[in-house]
Amino acid sequence: MIPGSTLLAIECTINQGPCSITSSSHTVTLNIEPKPVSAMKELTFSVTVTPCDRLPDTLLLDLSMPGMAMGKNQVTLVKKSACTYEGKGIIVRCMSGRTLWQVTLLSDELNNPAFTFNVR
């Protein structure tokens, strides 16, 4: 469970396509391009929220490594269409060789949904 959230983090096979999580009245879908998702490359993070009424023009996406302090790595997502947000960022390479990452959408309105996935 994510602190301050009523959602569980779901495991996501992001290299096979977008992943979705649903809670109460919202479905949040995450996609990352290009694929395969790799560390140390500029990535485009896309989030679609339905329904998306009463959401702000920007959302904050937090990149972290479960169980390891990696430093602050956040991406500002800007509304690109009615319900889609997009931003660019980089997943850093972990010196330990670990590849499991977590993306948390920092939004009280959406209950901070989180996705875990492996990078190459």
PDB file of N, CA and C in Angstrom:
ATOM      1  N   MET A   1       0.839  -1.175   0.000  1.00  0.00           N
ATOM      2  CA  MET A   1       0.000   0.000   0.000  1.00  0.00           C
ATOM      3  C   MET A   1       0.887   1.241   0.000  1.00  0.00           C
ATOM      4  N   ILE A   2       0.516   2.226  -0.733  1.00  0.00           N
ATOM      5  CA  ILE A   2       1.255   3.478  -0.814  1.00  0.00           C
ATOM      6  C   ILE A   2       0.799   4.383   0.327  1.00  0.00           C
ATOM      7  N   PRO A   3       1.742   5.024   1.070  1.00  0.00           N
ATOM      8  CA  PRO A   3       1.327   5.906   2.157  1.00  0.00           C
ATOM      9  C   PRO A   3       0.357   6.979   1.652  1.00  0.00           C
ATOM     10  N   GLY A   4      -0.705   7.225   2.390  1.00  0.00           N
ATOM     11  CA  GLY A   4      -1.674   8.231   2.013  1.00  0.00           C
ATOM     12  C   GLY A   4      -2.578   7.809   0.867  1.00  0.00           C
ATOM     13  N   SER A   5      -2.591   6.530   0.548  1.00  0.00           N
ATOM     14  CA  SER A   5      -3.348   6.052  -0.603  1.00  0.00           C
ATOM     15  C   SER A   5      -4.253   4.907  -0.195  1.00  0.00           C
ATOM     16  N   THR A   6      -5.337   4.750  -0.938  1.00  0.00           N
ATOM     17  CA  THR A   6      -6.191   3.594  -0.728  1.00  0.00           C
ATOM     18  C   THR A   6      -5.982   2.572  -1.835  1.00  0.00           C
ATOM     19  N   LEU A   7      -5.026   2.845  -2.721  1.00  0.00           N
ATOM     20  CA  LEU A   7      -4.742   1.939  -3.834  1.00  0.00           C
ATOM     21  C   LEU A   7      -3.507   1.113  -3.555  1.00  0.00           C
ATOM     22  N   LEU A   8      -3.476  -0.069  -4.084  1.00  0.00           N
ATOM     23  CA  LEU A   8      -2.265  -0.874  -4.076  1.00  0.00           C
ATOM     24  C   LEU A   8      -1.447  -0.520  -5.297  1.00  0.00           C
ATOM     25  N   ALA A   9      -0.157  -0.667  -5.195  1.00  0.00           N
ATOM     26  CA  ALA A   9       0.684  -0.534  -6.378  1.00  0.00           C
ATOM     27  C   ALA A   9       0.502  -1.808  -7.192  1.00  0.00           C
ATOM     28  N   ILE A  10       0.280  -1.647  -8.482  1.00  0.00           N
ATOM     29  CA  ILE A  10       0.115  -2.834  -9.315  1.00  0.00           C
ATOM     30  C   ILE A  10       1.394  -3.101 -10.090  1.00  0.00           C
ATOM     31  N   GLU A  11       1.649  -4.374 -10.356  1.00  0.00           N
ATOM     32  CA  GLU A  11       2.767  -4.743 -11.213  1.00  0.00           C
ATOM     33  C   GLU A  11       2.351  -4.508 -12.649  1.00  0.00           C
ATOM     34  N   CYS A  12       3.244  -3.910 -13.397  1.00  0.00           N
ATOM     35  CA  CYS A  12       2.926  -3.483 -14.753  1.00  0.00           C
ATOM     36  C   CYS A  12       3.977  -4.051 -15.716  1.00  0.00           C
ATOM     37  N   THR A  13       3.537  -4.666 -16.781  1.00  0.00           N
ATOM     38  CA  THR A  13       4.454  -5.125 -17.828  1.00  0.00           C
ATOM     39  C   THR A  13       4.499  -4.032 -18.900  1.00  0.00           C
ATOM     40  N   ILE A  14       5.111  -2.907 -18.542  1.00  0.00           N
ATOM     41  CA  ILE A  14       5.084  -1.692 -19.359  1.00  0.00           C
ATOM     42  C   ILE A  14       5.678  -1.905 -20.749  1.00  0.00           C
ATOM     43  N   ASN A  15       6.612  -2.842 -20.894  1.00  0.00           N
ATOM     44  CA  ASN A  15       7.197  -3.077 -22.221  1.00  0.00           C
ATOM     45  C   ASN A  15       6.235  -3.776 -23.175  1.00  0.00           C
ATOM     46  N   GLN A  16       5.147  -4.318 -22.632  1.00  0.00           N
ATOM     47  CA  GLN A  16       4.135  -4.947 -23.471  1.00  0.00           C
ATOM     48  C   GLN A  16       2.984  -4.000 -23.798  1.00  0.00           C
ATOM     49  N   GLY A  17       2.943  -2.838 -23.146  1.00  0.00           N
ATOM     50  CA  GLY A  17       1.890  -1.866 -23.423  1.00  0.00           C
ATOM     51  C   GLY A  17       1.457  -1.141 -22.169  1.00  0.00           C
ATOM     52  N   PRO A  18       0.479  -0.238 -22.314  1.00  0.00           N
ATOM     53  CA  PRO A  18       0.002   0.557 -21.184  1.00  0.00           C
ATOM     54  C   PRO A  18      -0.588  -0.316 -20.081  1.00  0.00           C
ATOM     55  N   CYS A  19      -0.572   0.215 -18.845  1.00  0.00           N
ATOM     56  CA  CYS A  19      -1.135  -0.454 -17.683  1.00  0.00           C
ATOM     57  C   CYS A  19      -2.180   0.460 -17.052  1.00  0.00           C
ATOM     58  N   SER A  20      -3.246  -0.142 -16.519  1.00  0.00           N
ATOM     59  CA  SER A  20      -4.326   0.641 -15.909  1.00  0.00           C
ATOM     60  C   SER A  20      -4.610   0.171 -14.492  1.00  0.00           C
ATOM     61  N   ILE A  21      -5.062   1.124 -13.687  1.00  0.00           N
ATOM     62  CA  ILE A  21      -5.500   0.844 -12.319  1.00  0.00           C
ATOM     63  C   ILE A  21      -6.794   1.629 -12.107  1.00  0.00           C
ATOM     64  N   THR A  22      -7.740   1.014 -11.402  1.00  0.00           N
ATOM     65  CA  THR A  22      -9.031   1.651 -11.175  1.00  0.00           C
ATOM     66  C   THR A  22      -9.314   1.722  -9.687  1.00  0.00           C
ATOM     67  N   SER A  23      -9.823   2.888  -9.268  1.00  0.00           N
ATOM     68  CA  SER A  23     -10.238   3.075  -7.887  1.00  0.00           C
ATOM     69  C   SER A  23     -11.421   4.016  -7.874  1.00  0.00           C
ATOM     70  N   SER A  24     -12.389   3.687  -7.087  1.00  0.00           N
ATOM     71  CA  SER A  24     -13.630   4.461  -6.973  1.00  0.00           C
ATOM     72  C   SER A  24     -14.126   4.840  -8.356  1.00  0.00           C
ATOM     73  N   SER A  25     -14.038   6.097  -8.720  1.00  0.00           N
ATOM     74  CA  SER A  25     -14.654   6.521  -9.980  1.00  0.00           C
ATOM     75  C   SER A  25     -13.646   6.865 -11.073  1.00  0.00           C
ATOM     76  N   HIS A  26     -12.351   6.558 -10.879  1.00  0.00           N
ATOM     77  CA  HIS A  26     -11.337   6.909 -11.883  1.00  0.00           C
ATOM     78  C   HIS A  26     -10.560   5.680 -12.361  1.00  0.00           C
ATOM     79  N   THR A  27     -10.244   5.673 -13.644  1.00  0.00           N
ATOM     80  CA  THR A  27      -9.294   4.715 -14.197  1.00  0.00           C
ATOM     81  C   THR A  27      -8.084   5.509 -14.663  1.00  0.00           C
ATOM     82  N   VAL A  28      -6.890   5.083 -14.216  1.00  0.00           N
ATOM     83  CA  VAL A  28      -5.641   5.753 -14.565  1.00  0.00           C
ATOM     84  C   VAL A  28      -4.814   4.774 -15.396  1.00  0.00           C
ATOM     85  N   THR A  29      -4.407   5.223 -16.590  1.00  0.00           N
ATOM     86  CA  THR A  29      -3.607   4.389 -17.489  1.00  0.00           C
ATOM     87  C   THR A  29      -2.252   5.043 -17.703  1.00  0.00           C
ATOM     88  N   LEU A  30      -1.186   4.270 -17.504  1.00  0.00           N
ATOM     89  CA  LEU A  30       0.192   4.740 -17.696  1.00  0.00           C
ATOM     90  C   LEU A  30       0.784   4.107 -18.937  1.00  0.00           C
ATOM     91  N   ASN A  31       1.466   4.923 -19.734  1.00  0.00           N
ATOM     92  CA  ASN A  31       2.261   4.404 -20.846  1.00  0.00           C
ATOM     93  C   ASN A  31       3.597   5.132 -20.838  1.00  0.00           C
ATOM     94  N   ILE A  32       4.650   4.423 -21.222  1.00  0.00           N
ATOM     95  CA  ILE A  32       5.995   5.002 -21.309  1.00  0.00           C
ATOM     96  C   ILE A  32       6.558   4.630 -22.664  1.00  0.00           C
ATOM     97  N   GLU A  33       7.100   5.609 -23.366  1.00  0.00           N
ATOM     98  CA  GLU A  33       7.716   5.410 -24.684  1.00  0.00           C
ATOM     99  C   GLU A  33       9.100   6.038 -24.684  1.00  0.00           C
ATOM    100  N   PRO A  34      10.064   5.581 -25.463  1.00  0.00           N
ATOM    101  CA  PRO A  34       9.967   4.424 -26.346  1.00  0.00           C
ATOM    102  C   PRO A  34      10.141   3.122 -25.571  1.00  0.00           C
ATOM    103  N   LYS A  35       9.766   2.062 -26.213  1.00  0.00           N
ATOM    104  CA  LYS A  35       9.919   0.718 -25.663  1.00  0.00           C
ATOM    105  C   LYS A  35      11.067   0.021 -26.381  1.00  0.00           C
ATOM    106  N   PRO A  36      11.825  -0.839 -25.755  1.00  0.00           N
ATOM    107  CA  PRO A  36      11.720  -1.183 -24.349  1.00  0.00           C
ATOM    108  C   PRO A  36      12.123   0.002 -23.464  1.00  0.00           C
ATOM    109  N   VAL A  37      11.470   0.114 -22.297  1.00  0.00           N
ATOM    110  CA  VAL A  37      11.771   1.181 -21.351  1.00  0.00           C
ATOM    111  C   VAL A  37      13.147   0.908 -20.758  1.00  0.00           C
ATOM    112  N   SER A  38      14.054   1.861 -20.948  1.00  0.00           N
ATOM    113  CA  SER A  38      15.444   1.683 -20.527  1.00  0.00           C
ATOM    114  C   SER A  38      15.894   2.825 -19.635  1.00  0.00           C
ATOM    115  N   ALA A  39      16.831   2.510 -18.749  1.00  0.00           N
ATOM    116  CA  ALA A  39      17.433   3.531 -17.902  1.00  0.00           C
ATOM    117  C   ALA A  39      18.346   4.423 -18.751  1.00  0.00           C
ATOM    118  N   MET A  40      18.506   5.654 -18.298  1.00  0.00           N
ATOM    119  CA  MET A  40      19.434   6.637 -18.867  1.00  0.00           C
ATOM    120  C   MET A  40      19.068   7.078 -20.285  1.00  0.00           C
ATOM    121  N   LYS A  41      17.800   6.980 -20.642  1.00  0.00           N
ATOM    122  CA  LYS A  41      17.306   7.489 -21.925  1.00  0.00           C
ATOM    123  C   LYS A  41      16.118   8.393 -21.646  1.00  0.00           C
ATOM    124  N   GLU A  42      15.964   9.454 -22.441  1.00  0.00           N
ATOM    125  CA  GLU A  42      14.793  10.304 -22.252  1.00  0.00           C
ATOM    126  C   GLU A  42      13.534   9.524 -22.621  1.00  0.00           C
ATOM    127  N   LEU A  43      12.571   9.549 -21.715  1.00  0.00           N
ATOM    128  CA  LEU A  43      11.325   8.812 -21.881  1.00  0.00           C
ATOM    129  C   LEU A  43      10.149   9.773 -21.872  1.00  0.00           C
ATOM    130  N   THR A  44       9.094   9.419 -22.588  1.00  0.00           N
ATOM    131  CA  THR A  44       7.844  10.167 -22.540  1.00  0.00           C
ATOM    132  C   THR A  44       6.859   9.375 -21.698  1.00  0.00           C
ATOM    133  N   PHE A  45       6.400   9.996 -20.623  1.00  0.00           N
ATOM    134  CA  PHE A  45       5.424   9.405 -19.719  1.00  0.00           C
ATOM    135  C   PHE A  45       4.060   9.965 -20.076  1.00  0.00           C
ATOM    136  N   SER A  46       3.109   9.087 -20.367  1.00  0.00           N
ATOM    137  CA  SER A  46       1.743   9.500 -20.695  1.00  0.00           C
ATOM    138  C   SER A  46       0.785   8.882 -19.688  1.00  0.00           C
ATOM    139  N   VAL A  47      -0.129   9.705 -19.185  1.00  0.00           N
ATOM    140  CA  VAL A  47      -1.138   9.239 -18.242  1.00  0.00           C
ATOM    141  C   VAL A  47      -2.500   9.687 -18.755  1.00  0.00           C
ATOM    142  N   THR A  48      -3.423   8.743 -18.843  1.00  0.00           N
ATOM    143  CA  THR A  48      -4.799   9.053 -19.214  1.00  0.00           C
ATOM    144  C   THR A  48      -5.681   8.753 -18.011  1.00  0.00           C
ATOM    145  N   VAL A  49      -6.548   9.706 -17.669  1.00  0.00           N
ATOM    146  CA  VAL A  49      -7.446   9.569 -16.530  1.00  0.00           C
ATOM    147  C   VAL A  49      -8.880   9.698 -17.023  1.00  0.00           C
ATOM    148  N   THR A  50      -9.718   8.720 -16.681  1.00  0.00           N
ATOM    149  CA  THR A  50     -11.134   8.819 -17.027  1.00  0.00           C
ATOM    150  C   THR A  50     -11.978   8.479 -15.816  1.00  0.00           C
ATOM    151  N   PRO A  51     -13.009   9.224 -15.526  1.00  0.00           N
ATOM    152  CA  PRO A  51     -13.272  10.548 -16.088  1.00  0.00           C
ATOM    153  C   PRO A  51     -12.251  11.544 -15.563  1.00  0.00           C
ATOM    154  N   CYS A  52     -12.108  12.659 -16.257  1.00  0.00           N
ATOM    155  CA  CYS A  52     -11.043  13.607 -15.903  1.00  0.00           C
ATOM    156  C   CYS A  52     -11.563  14.992 -15.542  1.00  0.00           C
ATOM    157  N   ASP A  53     -12.848  15.121 -15.312  1.00  0.00           N
ATOM    158  CA  ASP A  53     -13.372  16.424 -14.909  1.00  0.00           C
ATOM    159  C   ASP A  53     -12.817  16.814 -13.541  1.00  0.00           C
ATOM    160  N   ARG A  54     -12.627  18.070 -13.332  1.00  0.00           N
ATOM    161  CA  ARG A  54     -12.142  18.664 -12.087  1.00  0.00           C
ATOM    162  C   ARG A  54     -10.696  18.306 -11.755  1.00  0.00           C
ATOM    163  N   LEU A  55      -9.903  17.884 -12.723  1.00  0.00           N
ATOM    164  CA  LEU A  55      -8.481  17.648 -12.482  1.00  0.00           C
ATOM    165  C   LEU A  55      -7.699  18.893 -12.912  1.00  0.00           C
ATOM    166  N   PRO A  56      -6.539  19.135 -12.302  1.00  0.00           N
ATOM    167  CA  PRO A  56      -5.745  20.313 -12.666  1.00  0.00           C
ATOM    168  C   PRO A  56      -5.106  20.165 -14.051  1.00  0.00           C
ATOM    169  N   ASP A  57      -4.491  21.237 -14.547  1.00  0.00           N
ATOM    170  CA  ASP A  57      -3.829  21.219 -15.855  1.00  0.00           C
ATOM    171  C   ASP A  57      -2.489  20.492 -15.827  1.00  0.00           C
ATOM    172  N   THR A  58      -1.932  20.278 -14.621  1.00  0.00           N
ATOM    173  CA  THR A  58      -0.678  19.529 -14.494  1.00  0.00           C
ATOM    174  C   THR A  58      -0.829  18.502 -13.373  1.00  0.00           C
ATOM    175  N   LEU A  59      -0.105  17.401 -13.516  1.00  0.00           N
ATOM    176  CA  LEU A  59      -0.015  16.365 -12.489  1.00  0.00           C
ATOM    177  C   LEU A  59       1.459  16.079 -12.258  1.00  0.00           C
ATOM    178  N   LEU A  60       1.799  15.573 -11.070  1.00  0.00           N
ATOM    179  CA  LEU A  60       3.187  15.259 -10.751  1.00  0.00           C
ATOM    180  C   LEU A  60       3.358  13.753 -10.642  1.00  0.00           C
ATOM    181  N   LEU A  61       4.348  13.244 -11.364  1.00  0.00           N
ATOM    182  CA  LEU A  61       4.661  11.816 -11.390  1.00  0.00           C
ATOM    183  C   LEU A  61       5.978  11.628 -10.637  1.00  0.00           C
ATOM    184  N   ASP A  62       6.007  10.720  -9.687  1.00  0.00           N
ATOM    185  CA  ASP A  62       7.194  10.462  -8.879  1.00  0.00           C
ATOM    186  C   ASP A  62       7.796   9.120  -9.269  1.00  0.00           C
ATOM    187  N   LEU A  63       9.095   9.130  -9.584  1.00  0.00           N
ATOM    188  CA  LEU A  63       9.827   7.907  -9.936  1.00  0.00           C
ATOM    189  C   LEU A  63      10.668   7.492  -8.735  1.00  0.00           C
ATOM    190  N   SER A  64      10.499   6.252  -8.294  1.00  0.00           N
ATOM    191  CA  SER A  64      11.266   5.776  -7.146  1.00  0.00           C
ATOM    192  C   SER A  64      11.577   4.294  -7.328  1.00  0.00           C
ATOM    193  N   MET A  65      12.460   3.820  -6.469  1.00  0.00           N
ATOM    194  CA  MET A  65      12.826   2.410  -6.459  1.00  0.00           C
ATOM    195  C   MET A  65      12.348   1.819  -5.143  1.00  0.00           C
ATOM    196  N   PRO A  66      11.424   0.848  -5.181  1.00  0.00           N
ATOM    197  CA  PRO A  66      10.941   0.264  -3.931  1.00  0.00           C
ATOM    198  C   PRO A  66      12.089  -0.275  -3.080  1.00  0.00           C
ATOM    199  N   GLY A  67      12.136   0.156  -1.811  1.00  0.00           N
ATOM    200  CA  GLY A  67      13.138  -0.351  -0.885  1.00  0.00           C
ATOM    201  C   GLY A  67      14.513   0.261  -1.022  1.00  0.00           C
ATOM    202  N   MET A  68      14.671   1.290  -1.852  1.00  0.00           N
ATOM    203  CA  MET A  68      15.987   1.900  -2.021  1.00  0.00           C
ATOM    204  C   MET A  68      15.828   3.406  -2.226  1.00  0.00           C
ATOM    205  N   ALA A  69      16.593   4.180  -1.477  1.00  0.00           N
ATOM    206  CA  ALA A  69      16.562   5.633  -1.624  1.00  0.00           C
ATOM    207  C   ALA A  69      17.388   6.032  -2.843  1.00  0.00           C
ATOM    208  N   MET A  70      16.716   6.599  -3.840  1.00  0.00           N
ATOM    209  CA  MET A  70      17.399   6.965  -5.086  1.00  0.00           C
ATOM    210  C   MET A  70      17.480   8.474  -5.282  1.00  0.00           C
ATOM    211  N   GLY A  71      16.946   9.248  -4.378  1.00  0.00           N
ATOM    212  CA  GLY A  71      16.905  10.688  -4.570  1.00  0.00           C
ATOM    213  C   GLY A  71      15.636  11.070  -5.314  1.00  0.00           C
ATOM    214  N   LYS A  72      15.310  12.339  -5.236  1.00  0.00           N
ATOM    215  CA  LYS A  72      14.068  12.827  -5.835  1.00  0.00           C
ATOM    216  C   LYS A  72      14.161  12.822  -7.353  1.00  0.00           C
ATOM    217  N   ASN A  73      13.162  12.218  -7.990  1.00  0.00           N
ATOM    218  CA  ASN A  73      13.086  12.173  -9.454  1.00  0.00           C
ATOM    219  C   ASN A  73      11.605  12.291  -9.812  1.00  0.00           C
ATOM    220  N   GLN A  74      11.200  13.498 -10.216  1.00  0.00           N
ATOM    221  CA  GLN A  74       9.795  13.743 -10.518  1.00  0.00           C
ATOM    222  C   GLN A  74       9.648  14.351 -11.903  1.00  0.00           C
ATOM    223  N   VAL A  75       8.516  14.057 -12.529  1.00  0.00           N
ATOM    224  CA  VAL A  75       8.199  14.540 -13.867  1.00  0.00           C
ATOM    225  C   VAL A  75       6.871  15.278 -13.789  1.00  0.00           C
ATOM    226  N   THR A  76       6.859  16.511 -14.291  1.00  0.00           N
ATOM    227  CA  THR A  76       5.604  17.258 -14.372  1.00  0.00           C
ATOM    228  C   THR A  76       4.888  16.852 -15.649  1.00  0.00           C
ATOM    229  N   LEU A  77       3.658  16.411 -15.485  1.00  0.00           N
ATOM    230  CA  LEU A  77       2.841  16.016 -16.624  1.00  0.00           C
ATOM    231  C   LEU A  77       1.877  17.163 -16.941  1.00  0.00           C
ATOM    232  N   VAL A  78       1.818  17.545 -18.207  1.00  0.00           N
ATOM    233  CA  VAL A  78       0.985  18.646 -18.659  1.00  0.00           C
ATOM    234  C   VAL A  78      -0.181  18.079 -19.469  1.00  0.00           C
ATOM    235  N   LYS A  79      -1.363  18.632 -19.253  1.00  0.00           N
ATOM    236  CA  LYS A  79      -2.550  18.161 -19.976  1.00  0.00           C
ATOM    237  C   LYS A  79      -2.368  18.430 -21.467  1.00  0.00           C
ATOM    238  N   LYS A  80      -2.425  17.354 -22.285  1.00  0.00           N
ATOM    239  CA  LYS A  80      -2.246  17.452 -23.732  1.00  0.00           C
ATOM    240  C   LYS A  80      -3.571  17.390 -24.479  1.00  0.00           C
ATOM    241  N   SER A  81      -4.552  16.734 -23.879  1.00  0.00           N
ATOM    242  CA  SER A  81      -5.894  16.666 -24.462  1.00  0.00           C
ATOM    243  C   SER A  81      -6.861  16.542 -23.292  1.00  0.00           C
ATOM    244  N   ALA A  82      -8.114  16.316 -23.582  1.00  0.00           N
ATOM    245  CA  ALA A  82      -9.144  16.312 -22.543  1.00  0.00           C
ATOM    246  C   ALA A  82      -8.752  15.510 -21.304  1.00  0.00           C
ATOM    247  N   CYS A  83      -8.254  14.299 -21.463  1.00  0.00           N
ATOM    248  CA  CYS A  83      -7.966  13.430 -20.311  1.00  0.00           C
ATOM    249  C   CYS A  83      -6.556  12.860 -20.314  1.00  0.00           C
ATOM    250  N   THR A  84      -5.667  13.359 -21.186  1.00  0.00           N
ATOM    251  CA  THR A  84      -4.313  12.813 -21.303  1.00  0.00           C
ATOM    252  C   THR A  84      -3.271  13.845 -20.888  1.00  0.00           C
ATOM    253  N   TYR A  85      -2.329  13.375 -20.072  1.00  0.00           N
ATOM    254  CA  TYR A  85      -1.216  14.194 -19.594  1.00  0.00           C
ATOM    255  C   TYR A  85       0.078  13.589 -20.098  1.00  0.00           C
ATOM    256  N   GLU A  86       1.090  14.436 -20.326  1.00  0.00           N
ATOM    257  CA  GLU A  86       2.359  13.943 -20.864  1.00  0.00           C
ATOM    258  C   GLU A  86       3.520  14.758 -20.317  1.00  0.00           C
ATOM    259  N   GLY A  87       4.655  14.078 -20.116  1.00  0.00           N
ATOM    260  CA  GLY A  87       5.882  14.738 -19.678  1.00  0.00           C
ATOM    261  C   GLY A  87       7.080  13.878 -20.001  1.00  0.00           C
ATOM    262  N   LYS A  88       8.262  14.498 -19.987  1.00  0.00           N
ATOM    263  CA  LYS A  88       9.501  13.778 -20.309  1.00  0.00           C
ATOM    264  C   LYS A  88      10.384  13.688 -19.076  1.00  0.00           C
ATOM    265  N   GLY A  89      11.077  12.539 -18.961  1.00  0.00           N
ATOM    266  CA  GLY A  89      11.974  12.340 -17.843  1.00  0.00           C
ATOM    267  C   GLY A  89      12.921  11.186 -18.107  1.00  0.00           C
ATOM    268  N   ILE A  90      13.800  10.951 -17.140  1.00  0.00           N
ATOM    269  CA  ILE A  90      14.811   9.897 -17.262  1.00  0.00           C
ATOM    270  C   ILE A  90      14.769   9.026 -16.015  1.00  0.00           C
ATOM    271  N   ILE A  91      14.768   7.727 -16.219  1.00  0.00           N
ATOM    272  CA  ILE A  91      14.934   6.773 -15.124  1.00  0.00           C
ATOM    273  C   ILE A  91      16.435   6.512 -15.026  1.00  0.00           C
ATOM    274  N   VAL A  92      17.005   6.813 -13.871  1.00  0.00           N
ATOM    275  CA  VAL A  92      18.449   6.643 -13.719  1.00  0.00           C
ATOM    276  C   VAL A  92      18.805   5.173 -13.528  1.00  0.00           C
ATOM    277  N   ARG A  93      20.051   4.861 -13.791  1.00  0.00           N
ATOM    278  CA  ARG A  93      20.537   3.487 -13.608  1.00  0.00           C
ATOM    279  C   ARG A  93      20.939   3.316 -12.144  1.00  0.00           C
ATOM    280  N   CYS A  94      20.488   2.235 -11.551  1.00  0.00           N
ATOM    281  CA  CYS A  94      20.837   1.926 -10.166  1.00  0.00           C
ATOM    282  C   CYS A  94      22.202   1.237 -10.148  1.00  0.00           C
ATOM    283  N   MET A  95      23.103   1.754  -9.329  1.00  0.00           N
ATOM    284  CA  MET A  95      24.459   1.196  -9.258  1.00  0.00           C
ATOM    285  C   MET A  95      24.473  -0.248  -8.742  1.00  0.00           C
ATOM    286  N   SER A  96      23.416  -0.656  -8.018  1.00  0.00           N
ATOM    287  CA  SER A  96      23.361  -2.023  -7.494  1.00  0.00           C
ATOM    288  C   SER A  96      22.946  -3.023  -8.573  1.00  0.00           C
ATOM    289  N   GLY A  97      22.458  -2.500  -9.720  1.00  0.00           N
ATOM    290  CA  GLY A  97      22.001  -3.376 -10.782  1.00  0.00           C
ATOM    291  C   GLY A  97      20.516  -3.703 -10.716  1.00  0.00           C
ATOM    292  N   ARG A  98      19.825  -3.210  -9.681  1.00  0.00           N
ATOM    293  CA  ARG A  98      18.386  -3.459  -9.568  1.00  0.00           C
ATOM    294  C   ARG A  98      17.646  -2.744 -10.701  1.00  0.00           C
ATOM    295  N   THR A  99      16.534  -3.333 -11.130  1.00  0.00           N
ATOM    296  CA  THR A  99      15.794  -2.772 -12.264  1.00  0.00           C
ATOM    297  C   THR A  99      14.317  -2.509 -11.959  1.00  0.00           C
ATOM    298  N   LEU A 100      13.863  -2.785 -10.727  1.00  0.00           N
ATOM    299  CA  LEU A 100      12.462  -2.579 -10.380  1.00  0.00           C
ATOM    300  C   LEU A 100      12.226  -1.123  -9.986  1.00  0.00           C
ATOM    301  N   TRP A 101      11.314  -0.470 -10.696  1.00  0.00           N
ATOM    302  CA  TRP A 101      10.984   0.933 -10.457  1.00  0.00           C
ATOM    303  C   TRP A 101       9.509   1.075 -10.157  1.00  0.00           C
ATOM    304  N   GLN A 102       9.169   2.198  -9.531  1.00  0.00           N
ATOM    305  CA  GLN A 102       7.772   2.508  -9.240  1.00  0.00           C
ATOM    306  C   GLN A 102       7.464   3.920  -9.709  1.00  0.00           C
ATOM    307  N   VAL A 103       6.339   4.072 -10.399  1.00  0.00           N
ATOM    308  CA  VAL A 103       5.811   5.371 -10.790  1.00  0.00           C
ATOM    309  C   VAL A 103       4.568   5.608  -9.949  1.00  0.00           C
ATOM    310  N   THR A 104       4.559   6.720  -9.207  1.00  0.00           N
ATOM    311  CA  THR A 104       3.387   7.090  -8.416  1.00  0.00           C
ATOM    312  C   THR A 104       2.873   8.422  -8.927  1.00  0.00           C
ATOM    313  N   LEU A 105       1.602   8.484  -9.235  1.00  0.00           N
ATOM    314  CA  LEU A 105       0.970   9.726  -9.654  1.00  0.00           C
ATOM    315  C   LEU A 105       0.529  10.438  -8.380  1.00  0.00           C
ATOM    316  N   LEU A 106       1.204  11.552  -8.066  1.00  0.00           N
ATOM    317  CA  LEU A 106       0.934  12.258  -6.815  1.00  0.00           C
ATOM    318  C   LEU A 106      -0.310  13.129  -6.978  1.00  0.00           C
ATOM    319  N   SER A 107      -1.450  12.577  -6.596  1.00  0.00           N
ATOM    320  CA  SER A 107      -2.725  13.264  -6.747  1.00  0.00           C
ATOM    321  C   SER A 107      -3.700  12.767  -5.693  1.00  0.00           C
ATOM    322  N   ASP A 108      -4.050  13.637  -4.763  1.00  0.00           N
ATOM    323  CA  ASP A 108      -5.025  13.262  -3.740  1.00  0.00           C
ATOM    324  C   ASP A 108      -6.360  12.886  -4.371  1.00  0.00           C
ATOM    325  N   GLU A 109      -6.736  13.596  -5.450  1.00  0.00           N
ATOM    326  CA  GLU A 109      -8.005  13.326  -6.113  1.00  0.00           C
ATOM    327  C   GLU A 109      -8.058  11.903  -6.664  1.00  0.00           C
ATOM    328  N   LEU A 110      -6.891  11.364  -7.056  1.00  0.00           N
ATOM    329  CA  LEU A 110      -6.815  10.031  -7.661  1.00  0.00           C
ATOM    330  C   LEU A 110      -6.294   8.970  -6.692  1.00  0.00           C
ATOM    331  N   ASN A 111      -6.079   9.329  -5.436  1.00  0.00           N
ATOM    332  CA  ASN A 111      -5.581   8.408  -4.404  1.00  0.00           C
ATOM    333  C   ASN A 111      -4.161   7.909  -4.666  1.00  0.00           C
ATOM    334  N   ASN A 112      -3.328   8.700  -5.331  1.00  0.00           N
ATOM    335  CA  ASN A 112      -1.914   8.372  -5.549  1.00  0.00           C
ATOM    336  C   ASN A 112      -1.673   6.988  -6.143  1.00  0.00           C
ATOM    337  N   PRO A 113      -2.248   6.688  -7.308  1.00  0.00           N
ATOM    338  CA  PRO A 113      -2.043   5.362  -7.898  1.00  0.00           C
ATOM    339  C   PRO A 113      -0.580   5.121  -8.251  1.00  0.00           C
ATOM    340  N   ALA A 114      -0.146   3.869  -8.103  1.00  0.00           N
ATOM    341  CA  ALA A 114       1.257   3.524  -8.334  1.00  0.00           C
ATOM    342  C   ALA A 114       1.366   2.279  -9.215  1.00  0.00           C
ATOM    343  N   PHE A 115       2.409   2.262 -10.031  1.00  0.00           N
ATOM    344  CA  PHE A 115       2.707   1.166 -10.951  1.00  0.00           C
ATOM    345  C   PHE A 115       4.149   0.760 -10.731  1.00  0.00           C
ATOM    346  N   THR A 116       4.424  -0.537 -10.584  1.00  0.00           N
ATOM    347  CA  THR A 116       5.808  -1.019 -10.526  1.00  0.00           C
ATOM    348  C   THR A 116       6.118  -1.783 -11.787  1.00  0.00           C
ATOM    349  N   PHE A 117       7.360  -1.654 -12.257  1.00  0.00           N
ATOM    350  CA  PHE A 117       7.768  -2.292 -13.512  1.00  0.00           C
ATOM    351  C   PHE A 117       9.278  -2.401 -13.539  1.00  0.00           C
ATOM    352  N   ASN A 118       9.780  -3.245 -14.431  1.00  0.00           N
ATOM    353  CA  ASN A 118      11.227  -3.406 -14.622  1.00  0.00           C
ATOM    354  C   ASN A 118      11.679  -2.634 -15.853  1.00  0.00           C
ATOM    355  N   VAL A 119      12.885  -2.064 -15.762  1.00  0.00           N
ATOM    356  CA  VAL A 119      13.503  -1.382 -16.892  1.00  0.00           C
ATOM    357  C   VAL A 119      14.686  -2.205 -17.370  1.00  0.00           C
ATOM    358  N   ARG A 120      15.133  -1.900 -18.563  1.00  0.00           N
ATOM    359  CA  ARG A 120      16.292  -2.621 -19.120  1.00  0.00           C
ATOM    360  C   ARG A 120      17.542  -1.810 -18.911  1.00  0.00           C
TER     361      ARG A 120
END
